[in-house]
N, C-alpha and C. Protein backbone atom coordinates (compact mmCIF):
# COMPACT_ATOMS: atom_id res chain seq x y z
N MET A 1 -2.43 39.40 16.84
CA MET A 1 -2.25 38.23 17.01
C MET A 1 -3.44 37.15 16.82
N THR A 2 -4.49 37.18 17.12
CA THR A 2 -5.80 36.43 17.36
C THR A 2 -6.22 36.24 16.01
N ILE A 3 -5.73 37.79 14.86
CA ILE A 3 -6.81 37.10 13.81
C ILE A 3 -5.79 36.73 12.99
N VAL A 4 -4.47 36.20 13.31
CA VAL A 4 -3.31 35.39 12.85
C VAL A 4 -3.64 34.32 12.96
N THR A 5 -3.72 34.11 13.95
CA THR A 5 -4.01 32.71 14.19
C THR A 5 -4.90 32.24 13.70
N LEU A 6 -6.17 32.64 13.67
CA LEU A 6 -7.63 32.15 12.98
C LEU A 6 -7.15 32.20 11.80
N VAL A 7 -6.86 33.54 10.75
CA VAL A 7 -6.61 32.92 9.51
C VAL A 7 -5.84 31.86 8.86
N LEU A 8 -4.54 31.87 10.00
CA LEU A 8 -3.90 30.53 9.47
C LEU A 8 -4.45 29.32 9.91
N GLY A 9 -5.25 29.07 11.05
CA GLY A 9 -5.93 27.85 11.39
C GLY A 9 -6.86 27.61 10.56
N LEU A 10 -7.87 28.72 9.75
CA LEU A 10 -8.51 28.51 8.45
C LEU A 10 -7.80 28.20 7.49
N THR A 11 -7.04 28.32 7.36
CA THR A 11 -5.59 28.06 5.88
C THR A 11 -5.78 26.52 5.65
N LEU A 12 -5.21 25.64 7.13
CA LEU A 12 -4.53 24.78 7.21
C LEU A 12 -6.00 23.70 7.04
N ILE A 13 -7.12 24.04 7.82
CA ILE A 13 -8.28 23.02 7.90
C ILE A 13 -8.68 22.71 6.09
N GLY A 14 -8.29 23.22 5.51
CA GLY A 14 -8.89 23.32 3.96
C GLY A 14 -8.03 22.73 3.05
N THR A 15 -6.51 22.64 4.37
CA THR A 15 -5.36 21.70 3.23
C THR A 15 -5.22 20.22 3.62
N PRO A 16 -5.50 19.10 1.65
CA PRO A 16 -5.37 18.07 2.80
C PRO A 16 -4.03 17.76 3.23
N ALA A 17 -3.87 16.80 5.01
CA ALA A 17 -2.83 16.30 5.07
C ALA A 17 -2.24 15.12 4.80
N GLU A 18 -0.96 14.97 4.31
CA GLU A 18 -0.31 13.75 4.26
C GLU A 18 0.19 13.24 5.51
N ALA A 19 -0.67 11.58 6.26
CA ALA A 19 0.15 11.24 7.27
C ALA A 19 1.10 10.29 6.91
N HIS A 20 1.92 10.31 7.85
CA HIS A 20 3.03 8.94 7.97
C HIS A 20 2.49 7.42 8.52
N HIS A 21 2.05 6.30 7.50
CA HIS A 21 1.21 5.25 8.37
C HIS A 21 2.20 4.48 8.81
N GLY A 22 2.09 4.23 10.00
CA GLY A 22 3.12 2.87 10.54
C GLY A 22 2.05 1.72 10.14
N TRP A 23 2.71 1.04 10.85
CA TRP A 23 2.11 -0.96 10.01
C TRP A 23 0.93 -0.91 11.05
N SER A 24 0.41 -0.29 12.08
CA SER A 24 -0.74 -0.95 12.66
C SER A 24 -2.17 0.00 11.72
N SER A 25 -1.55 0.91 10.76
CA SER A 25 -2.74 1.19 9.73
C SER A 25 -3.07 0.26 8.57
N TYR A 26 -2.75 -1.05 8.53
CA TYR A 26 -2.53 -2.16 7.76
C TYR A 26 -2.91 -3.34 8.45
N ASP A 27 -3.87 -4.13 7.73
CA ASP A 27 -3.89 -5.42 8.36
C ASP A 27 -3.19 -6.56 7.96
N LEU A 28 -1.98 -6.59 8.73
CA LEU A 28 -1.01 -7.94 8.19
C LEU A 28 -1.65 -9.45 8.46
N SER A 29 -2.84 -9.55 8.78
CA SER A 29 -3.05 -10.60 8.98
C SER A 29 -3.25 -11.52 7.10
N ARG A 30 -3.25 -10.71 6.36
CA ARG A 30 -3.36 -11.66 4.78
C ARG A 30 -2.63 -10.79 3.61
N PRO A 31 -1.57 -10.74 3.92
CA PRO A 31 -0.85 -10.30 2.38
C PRO A 31 -1.76 -10.30 1.34
N VAL A 32 -1.51 -9.65 0.24
CA VAL A 32 -2.52 -9.40 -0.94
C VAL A 32 -1.17 -9.22 -2.30
N TYR A 33 -1.75 -9.84 -3.15
CA TYR A 33 -1.11 -9.89 -4.50
C TYR A 33 -2.16 -8.77 -5.27
N VAL A 34 -1.22 -7.88 -6.38
CA VAL A 34 -1.59 -7.57 -7.46
C VAL A 34 -0.68 -7.12 -8.29
N ILE A 35 -1.00 -7.05 -9.46
CA ILE A 35 -0.30 -6.82 -10.95
C ILE A 35 -1.12 -5.58 -11.66
N GLY A 36 -0.22 -4.97 -12.14
CA GLY A 36 -1.22 -3.87 -13.40
C GLY A 36 0.30 -3.08 -14.05
N THR A 37 -0.34 -1.91 -14.51
CA THR A 37 0.61 -1.03 -15.10
C THR A 37 0.83 0.20 -14.15
N VAL A 38 2.20 0.44 -14.50
CA VAL A 38 2.50 1.61 -13.56
C VAL A 38 1.98 2.90 -14.01
N ALA A 39 1.42 3.49 -13.47
CA ALA A 39 0.42 5.08 -13.94
C ALA A 39 1.09 5.97 -13.06
N GLU A 40 1.59 5.68 -12.14
CA GLU A 40 2.45 7.24 -11.83
C GLU A 40 3.70 6.46 -10.98
N VAL A 41 4.95 7.15 -10.40
CA VAL A 41 5.37 6.84 -9.22
C VAL A 41 5.70 8.01 -8.86
N ILE A 42 5.96 8.31 -7.50
CA ILE A 42 6.19 9.83 -6.57
C ILE A 42 7.33 9.27 -5.63
N TRP A 43 8.43 9.64 -5.84
CA TRP A 43 9.49 10.15 -5.05
C TRP A 43 9.36 10.92 -4.32
N GLN A 44 8.90 10.74 -2.87
CA GLN A 44 8.97 11.60 -2.35
C GLN A 44 8.81 10.81 -1.05
N ASN A 45 9.12 11.86 0.52
CA ASN A 45 9.48 11.65 1.64
C ASN A 45 7.82 11.99 2.58
N PRO A 46 6.88 10.87 3.35
CA PRO A 46 8.29 9.87 3.98
C PRO A 46 7.86 8.59 3.17
N HIS A 47 7.02 8.54 2.08
CA HIS A 47 7.30 7.18 1.40
C HIS A 47 6.97 7.21 0.06
N VAL A 48 7.85 6.73 -0.62
CA VAL A 48 7.65 6.60 -2.06
C VAL A 48 6.26 5.84 -2.46
N GLU A 49 5.46 6.49 -3.54
CA GLU A 49 4.58 6.07 -3.95
C GLU A 49 3.67 5.59 -5.04
N VAL A 50 2.97 4.54 -5.59
CA VAL A 50 2.93 4.38 -6.75
C VAL A 50 1.73 4.17 -7.18
N LEU A 51 1.05 4.16 -8.01
CA LEU A 51 -0.31 4.57 -8.08
C LEU A 51 -0.42 3.23 -9.74
N LEU A 52 -1.01 1.96 -9.26
CA LEU A 52 -0.88 1.17 -9.91
C LEU A 52 -2.57 0.55 -11.01
N ASP A 53 -2.05 0.60 -12.39
CA ASP A 53 -3.46 0.04 -12.48
C ASP A 53 -3.97 -1.30 -12.98
N VAL A 54 -5.11 -1.64 -12.55
CA VAL A 54 -4.97 -2.77 -12.41
C VAL A 54 -6.26 -3.33 -13.44
N HIS A 55 -6.10 -4.26 -14.91
CA HIS A 55 -7.02 -4.65 -15.76
C HIS A 55 -7.18 -5.75 -16.01
N GLY A 56 -8.63 -5.95 -16.03
CA GLY A 56 -9.07 -7.41 -15.99
C GLY A 56 -9.31 -8.48 -14.43
N ASP A 57 -9.28 -9.45 -14.97
CA ASP A 57 -9.26 -10.49 -13.73
C ASP A 57 -8.02 -11.20 -13.61
N ILE A 58 -6.72 -10.70 -12.35
CA ILE A 58 -5.54 -11.11 -12.17
C ILE A 58 -5.81 -12.22 -11.27
N ARG A 59 -4.46 -13.39 -12.03
CA ARG A 59 -4.67 -14.39 -10.86
C ARG A 59 -3.12 -14.92 -10.34
N LEU A 60 -3.13 -15.46 -9.32
CA LEU A 60 -2.13 -15.77 -8.01
C LEU A 60 -1.30 -16.45 -8.87
N PRO A 61 0.07 -16.03 -9.03
CA PRO A 61 1.24 -17.27 -9.85
C PRO A 61 1.37 -18.23 -8.92
N ALA A 62 0.73 -19.30 -9.90
CA ALA A 62 1.50 -20.72 -8.68
C ALA A 62 2.78 -21.15 -7.89
N ASN A 63 3.52 -20.34 -8.41
CA ASN A 63 5.00 -20.05 -8.23
C ASN A 63 5.59 -19.06 -7.28
N LEU A 64 4.59 -18.13 -6.59
CA LEU A 64 4.31 -17.24 -6.09
C LEU A 64 5.91 -17.05 -4.62
N ALA A 65 5.28 -18.05 -4.41
CA ALA A 65 6.09 -18.89 -2.62
C ALA A 65 7.39 -18.90 -3.08
N GLU A 66 7.75 -19.51 -4.38
CA GLU A 66 9.60 -19.53 -4.83
C GLU A 66 9.82 -18.72 -5.62
N THR A 67 8.99 -16.95 -5.36
CA THR A 67 10.06 -16.02 -5.85
C THR A 67 10.98 -15.87 -4.43
N PRO A 68 12.42 -15.77 -5.69
CA PRO A 68 13.61 -15.26 -5.39
C PRO A 68 13.56 -13.80 -4.78
N ILE A 69 13.63 -13.79 -3.58
CA ILE A 69 13.78 -12.45 -2.48
C ILE A 69 15.00 -12.28 -1.92
N PRO A 70 15.25 -10.85 -1.85
CA PRO A 70 16.61 -10.54 -1.12
C PRO A 70 16.80 -11.44 0.00
N ASN A 71 18.00 -12.05 0.99
CA ASN A 71 18.65 -12.39 1.97
C ASN A 71 17.88 -12.04 3.58
N PHE A 72 17.83 -10.60 3.04
CA PHE A 72 17.74 -9.97 4.46
C PHE A 72 15.95 -10.25 4.64
N LEU A 73 15.38 -9.84 3.59
CA LEU A 73 13.68 -10.06 3.46
C LEU A 73 13.83 -11.80 4.24
N GLU A 74 13.81 -12.44 3.64
CA GLU A 74 14.01 -13.90 3.49
C GLU A 74 14.56 -13.94 5.20
N ARG A 75 15.77 -13.93 5.92
CA ARG A 75 15.65 -13.76 7.31
C ARG A 75 14.03 -12.93 8.15
N VAL A 76 13.57 -12.24 7.41
CA VAL A 76 12.49 -11.13 8.42
C VAL A 76 11.17 -12.02 7.90
N GLY A 77 10.76 -13.19 7.36
CA GLY A 77 9.12 -13.24 7.42
C GLY A 77 8.73 -13.36 5.79
N GLY A 78 9.91 -12.65 5.24
CA GLY A 78 9.19 -12.95 3.81
C GLY A 78 8.38 -13.78 2.89
N ARG A 79 9.47 -14.96 3.14
CA ARG A 79 8.91 -16.03 2.33
C ARG A 79 7.36 -16.55 2.91
N GLU A 80 7.70 -16.53 4.36
CA GLU A 80 6.09 -16.44 4.78
C GLU A 80 4.92 -15.56 4.42
N THR A 81 5.65 -14.25 3.92
CA THR A 81 4.25 -13.51 3.41
C THR A 81 3.93 -14.18 1.36
N LEU A 82 5.01 -14.53 1.04
CA LEU A 82 4.40 -14.96 -0.23
C LEU A 82 3.90 -16.43 0.05
N GLN A 83 3.92 -16.94 0.85
CA GLN A 83 3.15 -18.17 0.66
C GLN A 83 1.80 -18.04 1.29
N LYS A 84 1.19 -16.96 2.19
CA LYS A 84 0.46 -16.65 2.46
C LYS A 84 -0.65 -15.39 1.64
N ALA A 85 0.15 -15.00 0.43
CA ALA A 85 -0.75 -13.68 -0.06
C ALA A 85 -2.05 -14.29 -0.87
N ARG A 86 -2.86 -13.49 -1.03
CA ARG A 86 -3.83 -13.88 -1.91
C ARG A 86 -4.08 -13.30 -2.23
N LEU A 87 -5.18 -12.81 -3.90
CA LEU A 87 -5.79 -11.93 -3.73
C LEU A 87 -6.47 -10.79 -3.48
N PRO A 88 -6.58 -10.11 -4.06
CA PRO A 88 -7.89 -8.86 -3.41
C PRO A 88 -9.39 -9.57 -3.11
N SER A 89 -9.85 -9.03 -2.50
CA SER A 89 -11.52 -9.27 -3.06
C SER A 89 -12.28 -8.38 -3.90
N GLN A 90 -11.44 -6.72 -3.55
CA GLN A 90 -12.40 -5.77 -3.99
C GLN A 90 -12.03 -5.79 -5.31
N ALA A 91 -12.62 -5.14 -6.54
CA ALA A 91 -12.26 -5.11 -7.96
C ALA A 91 -11.57 -3.33 -7.63
N ALA A 92 -10.47 -2.74 -7.38
CA ALA A 92 -10.06 -2.01 -7.27
C ALA A 92 -9.09 -1.78 -9.06
N LYS A 93 -9.95 -0.78 -9.51
CA LYS A 93 -8.84 -0.63 -11.03
C LYS A 93 -8.00 0.19 -10.80
N ARG A 94 -7.63 1.61 -9.39
CA ARG A 94 -6.38 2.00 -9.26
C ARG A 94 -5.72 1.00 -8.16
N TRP A 95 -4.93 1.29 -7.92
CA TRP A 95 -4.52 0.88 -6.31
C TRP A 95 -2.89 1.99 -5.73
N ARG A 96 -3.08 2.64 -4.55
CA ARG A 96 -2.23 3.58 -4.32
C ARG A 96 -1.78 2.46 -3.79
N LEU A 97 -0.40 3.00 -3.72
CA LEU A 97 0.95 1.71 -2.75
C LEU A 97 1.98 2.47 -2.44
N GLU A 98 1.98 2.13 -0.91
CA GLU A 98 3.14 2.60 -0.38
C GLU A 98 4.16 1.86 -0.42
N LEU A 99 5.07 2.42 -0.51
CA LEU A 99 6.86 1.75 -0.82
C LEU A 99 7.24 2.38 0.93
N ALA A 100 8.13 1.93 0.72
CA ALA A 100 9.41 2.02 1.88
C ALA A 100 9.81 3.84 1.98
N PRO A 101 10.11 4.63 2.67
CA PRO A 101 10.96 5.57 2.47
C PRO A 101 12.09 5.69 1.41
N ILE A 102 12.54 6.71 0.58
CA ILE A 102 13.55 6.62 0.20
C ILE A 102 14.74 5.89 0.56
N SER A 103 15.29 6.44 1.73
CA SER A 103 16.27 6.29 2.36
C SER A 103 16.64 4.88 2.27
N ARG A 104 15.39 4.04 3.18
CA ARG A 104 15.36 2.80 3.44
C ARG A 104 15.51 2.18 2.40
N MET A 105 14.72 2.48 0.63
CA MET A 105 14.76 1.43 -0.55
C MET A 105 16.39 1.85 -1.04
N MET A 106 17.06 2.44 -0.63
CA MET A 106 18.28 2.85 -0.89
C MET A 106 19.19 1.74 -0.35
N GLN A 107 19.01 2.19 1.29
CA GLN A 107 19.65 0.79 1.75
C GLN A 107 19.18 -0.53 1.58
N TYR A 108 18.32 -0.75 1.20
CA TYR A 108 17.81 -2.62 0.78
C TYR A 108 17.99 -2.79 -0.77
N GLY A 109 19.14 -1.80 -1.07
CA GLY A 109 19.15 -1.91 -2.86
C GLY A 109 18.25 -2.17 -3.33
N ALA A 110 17.25 -1.24 -3.50
CA ALA A 110 15.84 -1.11 -4.18
C ALA A 110 15.91 0.35 -5.51
N ASN A 111 17.41 0.22 -6.29
CA ASN A 111 17.76 0.91 -6.85
C ASN A 111 16.85 1.26 -8.08
N ARG A 112 16.07 -0.01 -8.42
CA ARG A 112 15.39 0.35 -9.92
C ARG A 112 14.32 0.60 -9.54
N ARG A 113 13.88 1.66 -10.33
CA ARG A 113 12.23 2.62 -10.25
C ARG A 113 11.90 1.98 -10.62
N ALA A 114 10.41 1.81 -11.01
CA ALA A 114 9.01 1.32 -11.58
C ALA A 114 8.90 2.12 -12.47
N GLN A 115 8.78 2.27 -13.94
CA GLN A 115 8.84 3.26 -14.80
C GLN A 115 6.97 3.42 -14.92
N VAL A 116 6.47 3.96 -15.61
CA VAL A 116 5.21 4.61 -16.02
C VAL A 116 4.48 3.44 -17.58
N GLY A 117 3.92 3.22 -17.00
CA GLY A 117 3.83 2.10 -18.01
C GLY A 117 3.74 0.56 -18.60
N GLU A 118 4.70 0.17 -17.78
CA GLU A 118 5.41 -0.80 -16.90
C GLU A 118 4.69 -2.25 -16.41
N THR A 119 4.35 -3.03 -16.79
CA THR A 119 4.11 -4.11 -15.32
C THR A 119 5.09 -4.42 -14.55
N VAL A 120 4.15 -4.33 -13.60
CA VAL A 120 4.94 -4.68 -11.78
C VAL A 120 3.60 -5.32 -11.29
N ALA A 121 4.43 -6.35 -9.99
CA ALA A 121 3.61 -7.04 -9.17
C ALA A 121 3.64 -6.58 -8.02
N PHE A 122 2.97 -6.79 -7.04
CA PHE A 122 3.12 -6.04 -5.59
C PHE A 122 3.17 -7.15 -4.68
N VAL A 123 3.46 -7.30 -3.65
CA VAL A 123 2.74 -7.86 -2.69
C VAL A 123 2.99 -7.38 -1.32
N GLY A 124 1.87 -6.64 -0.48
CA GLY A 124 1.82 -6.05 0.74
C GLY A 124 0.43 -6.37 1.37
N TYR A 125 0.44 -5.11 2.27
CA TYR A 125 -0.67 -5.34 3.20
C TYR A 125 -1.78 -4.17 2.73
N ILE A 126 -3.42 -5.22 2.54
CA ILE A 126 -4.51 -3.66 2.54
C ILE A 126 -4.26 -2.90 3.72
N SER A 127 -4.55 -1.53 3.24
CA SER A 127 -4.56 -0.44 4.46
C SER A 127 -6.12 -1.08 5.53
N ARG A 128 -6.32 -0.36 6.75
CA ARG A 128 -7.41 -1.53 7.70
C ARG A 128 -8.75 -0.17 6.93
N THR A 129 -8.07 1.03 6.78
CA THR A 129 -9.06 2.25 6.45
C THR A 129 -9.64 2.75 4.88
N VAL A 130 -8.68 2.30 4.28
CA VAL A 130 -8.97 2.79 2.51
C VAL A 130 -8.69 1.45 1.81
N CYS A 131 -9.51 1.36 1.22
CA CYS A 131 -9.36 -0.55 0.75
C CYS A 131 -8.80 -0.29 -0.77
N ASP A 132 -8.43 0.68 -1.40
CA ASP A 132 -7.80 0.76 -2.47
C ASP A 132 -5.83 0.56 -2.03
N GLU A 133 -5.44 0.95 -1.10
CA GLU A 133 -4.29 1.47 -0.34
C GLU A 133 -3.57 -0.32 0.07
N MET A 134 -2.00 0.32 -0.02
CA MET A 134 -1.58 -1.19 0.36
C MET A 134 -0.51 -0.35 0.81
N ARG A 135 0.25 -0.90 1.67
CA ARG A 135 1.90 -0.81 2.02
C ARG A 135 2.43 -2.28 1.18
N ILE A 136 3.70 -2.02 0.18
CA ILE A 136 4.30 -2.92 -0.17
C ILE A 136 5.62 -3.70 0.50
N GLU A 137 5.46 -5.00 0.62
CA GLU A 137 6.56 -5.89 1.62
C GLU A 137 7.35 -6.16 0.12
N VAL A 138 7.21 -6.57 -0.77
CA VAL A 138 8.11 -7.26 -2.29
C VAL A 138 7.28 -6.75 -3.47
N VAL A 139 8.15 -6.07 -4.50
CA VAL A 139 8.16 -5.58 -5.91
C VAL A 139 8.67 -6.65 -6.52
N ILE A 140 7.71 -6.55 -7.64
CA ILE A 140 8.11 -8.15 -9.03
C ILE A 140 7.92 -7.55 -10.20
N PHE A 141 9.33 -7.42 -10.89
CA PHE A 141 9.12 -7.16 -12.01
C PHE A 141 9.03 -8.07 -13.08
N SER A 142 8.56 -7.48 -14.35
CA SER A 142 8.46 -8.74 -15.38
C SER A 142 9.70 -9.56 -15.72
N ASP A 143 10.34 -8.97 -15.42
CA ASP A 143 11.92 -9.53 -16.10
C ASP A 143 12.15 -10.67 -14.36
N GLY A 144 11.70 -10.46 -13.64
CA GLY A 144 11.88 -11.85 -12.28
C GLY A 144 12.73 -11.01 -11.52
N GLU A 145 13.17 -9.74 -11.76
CA GLU A 145 13.60 -9.42 -10.73
C GLU A 145 12.87 -9.01 -8.87
N THR A 146 13.30 -9.03 -8.25
CA THR A 146 12.92 -8.65 -6.83
C THR A 146 13.00 -7.73 -6.09
N GLN A 147 12.51 -6.86 -4.94
CA GLN A 147 13.06 -6.40 -4.31
C GLN A 147 11.90 -6.18 -3.15
N GLY A 148 13.21 -6.14 -2.29
CA GLY A 148 12.14 -6.57 -0.18
C GLY A 148 12.41 -5.06 -0.08
N LEU A 149 11.38 -4.46 1.00
CA LEU A 149 11.02 -3.83 1.25
C LEU A 149 10.96 -3.26 2.50
N ARG A 150 11.50 -4.47 3.85
CA ARG A 150 11.34 -4.39 4.39
C ARG A 150 12.41 -5.57 5.52
N ASN A 151 13.22 -5.02 6.51
CA ASN A 151 14.90 -5.94 7.00
C ASN A 151 14.50 -6.06 8.46
N SER A 152 12.63 -6.01 8.84
CA SER A 152 12.99 -6.10 10.37
C SER A 152 11.65 -7.19 10.30
N PRO A 153 11.16 -8.28 11.43
CA PRO A 153 10.05 -8.16 11.35
C PRO A 153 8.33 -8.31 11.73
N LEU A 154 7.65 -8.79 11.37
CA LEU A 154 6.75 -7.61 11.23
C LEU A 154 6.05 -7.55 13.15
N PRO A 155 5.18 -7.08 13.54
CA PRO A 155 4.67 -6.51 14.38
C PRO A 155 3.39 -7.34 14.87
N ARG A 156 3.68 -7.69 16.05
CA ARG A 156 2.62 -8.29 16.71
C ARG A 156 1.28 -7.27 16.22
N GLN A 157 0.22 -8.17 15.73
CA GLN A 157 -1.56 -7.36 16.01
C GLN A 157 -2.19 -8.25 16.32
N GLU A 158 -3.39 -7.59 17.35
CA GLU A 158 -4.35 -8.72 17.83
C GLU A 158 -5.48 -8.33 16.40
N PRO A 159 -5.87 -9.32 16.24
CA PRO A 159 -7.15 -9.66 15.03
C PRO A 159 -8.03 -8.45 15.41
N GLN A 160 -8.52 -7.88 14.27
CA GLN A 160 -9.57 -6.82 14.36
C GLN A 160 -10.16 -6.67 13.34
N PRO A 161 -11.35 -6.13 13.25
CA PRO A 161 -12.44 -5.99 11.76
C PRO A 161 -12.05 -5.09 11.21
N ASN A 162 -11.95 -5.61 10.00
CA ASN A 162 -11.40 -4.74 8.68
C ASN A 162 -12.27 -4.83 7.54
N PRO A 163 -13.15 -3.99 6.89
CA PRO A 163 -13.74 -3.82 5.64
C PRO A 163 -12.51 -3.92 4.76
N CYS A 164 -11.97 -3.86 4.76
CA CYS A 164 -10.54 -4.46 3.31
C CYS A 164 -10.65 -5.73 3.47
N ASN A 165 -10.36 -5.91 4.29
CA ASN A 165 -9.82 -7.60 4.74
C ASN A 165 -10.70 -8.51 3.32
N PRO A 166 -9.39 -9.44 2.51
CA PRO A 166 -9.78 -10.32 1.10
C PRO A 166 -11.09 -10.59 1.45
N ASP A 167 -11.24 -11.53 2.96
CA ASP A 167 -12.14 -12.36 3.52
C ASP A 167 -13.31 -11.78 3.75
N ARG A 168 -13.22 -10.96 3.68
CA ARG A 168 -14.56 -9.78 3.94
C ARG A 168 -15.16 -9.06 2.71
N PRO A 169 -15.35 -9.42 1.89
CA PRO A 169 -15.65 -8.56 0.47
C PRO A 169 -16.48 -7.42 0.73
N GLU A 170 -17.91 -7.41 1.84
CA GLU A 170 -18.57 -6.19 1.74
C GLU A 170 -17.79 -4.77 2.17
N ARG A 171 -18.08 -3.80 1.65
CA ARG A 171 -17.45 -2.66 1.81
C ARG A 171 -18.90 -1.61 2.72
N ARG A 172 -18.80 -1.82 4.09
CA ARG A 172 -19.06 -0.37 5.17
C ARG A 172 -18.33 0.94 5.13
N PRO A 173 -19.46 1.51 5.63
CA PRO A 173 -18.32 3.05 5.91
C PRO A 173 -17.89 2.12 7.25
N LEU A 174 -16.82 2.93 7.92
CA LEU A 174 -16.17 2.52 8.74
C LEU A 174 -16.46 3.45 10.33
N LEU A 175 -17.46 4.91 9.57
CA LEU A 175 -18.10 5.56 10.59
C LEU A 175 -19.27 5.80 10.14
N GLN A 176 -20.32 6.12 10.79
CA GLN A 176 -21.43 6.03 10.20
C GLN A 176 -22.26 7.48 10.33
N LEU A 177 -21.10 7.91 9.35
CA LEU A 177 -21.68 9.38 9.13
C LEU A 177 -22.23 9.69 7.45
N GLY A 178 -22.87 7.70 6.95
CA GLY A 178 -23.44 8.17 5.94
C GLY A 178 -22.70 8.14 4.65
N VAL A 179 -21.48 8.36 4.70
CA VAL A 179 -20.54 8.38 3.53
C VAL A 179 -18.86 7.31 4.09
N PRO A 180 -18.87 6.49 3.19
CA PRO A 180 -18.04 5.68 3.39
C PRO A 180 -16.68 6.37 3.83
N VAL A 181 -15.77 5.65 4.60
CA VAL A 181 -14.52 6.63 5.04
C VAL A 181 -13.66 6.99 3.55
N GLU A 182 -13.37 6.06 2.79
CA GLU A 182 -12.35 6.34 1.54
C GLU A 182 -13.11 7.31 0.54
N ALA A 183 -14.25 7.49 0.73
CA ALA A 183 -15.05 8.76 -0.25
C ALA A 183 -14.64 10.22 0.36
N LEU A 184 -14.61 10.12 1.84
CA LEU A 184 -13.98 11.75 2.29
C LEU A 184 -12.33 11.49 2.09
N LEU A 185 -11.66 10.68 2.69
CA LEU A 185 -10.07 10.64 2.15
C LEU A 185 -10.28 10.91 1.04
N TRP A 186 -10.45 10.51 -0.18
CA TRP A 186 -10.81 10.86 -1.75
C TRP A 186 -10.79 12.21 -1.51
N LYS A 187 -11.90 12.18 -1.48
CA LYS A 187 -12.44 14.70 -1.64
C LYS A 187 -11.15 14.56 -0.99
N LEU A 188 -10.55 14.25 0.11
CA LEU A 188 -9.39 15.25 0.69
C LEU A 188 -7.96 14.89 0.24
N ARG A 189 -7.64 14.24 -0.86
CA ARG A 189 -6.81 14.08 -1.32
C ARG A 189 -6.52 14.91 -2.61
N ASN A 190 -8.07 14.97 -3.46
CA ASN A 190 -8.28 15.60 -4.16
C ASN A 190 -9.23 16.95 -4.43
N ALA A 191 -8.70 17.46 -3.26
CA ALA A 191 -9.84 18.67 -3.21
C ALA A 191 -8.38 19.75 -3.80
N PRO A 192 -9.06 20.62 -4.71
CA PRO A 192 -8.09 21.94 -5.12
C PRO A 192 -7.39 22.51 -4.45
């Protein structure tokens, strides 16, 4: 029994873990706007993921705050999110975007799936630990269709230092390991 437990434990150590991220994993103080080409869409639980390639300089649309959004998102602060949205300070070329769980997307009427090669804009919140990862609140398709991915108010958050915050462009390791946490997480995600 001890050998079986040891072998199982060693096997799990080499397996990258996918975590379900709550709102506390994201900096809710500054919503961010990104636009790019969809490279991949992964329909899975606990969250749908989109890999988005950003090319060149992006600009914040002058009328972003007036973008039509679903009524349920309007009622829980979605308009304020659009008004506060800024461009990210880091020049990530590929973003990993976390959307709502599949069941909630269906509940929100978010039936349209972004297609690989399509240009799509997103508004959401940057991760506190991985500077090229966001949790998405609004999807804006190139034809103007929008999808809201939240139906309750955002939780209150105490201000915390965040190296991924657009107001702080420097990128420092979160842990004093000599290697940025982003690099460690990338290695875990891309381990054979």
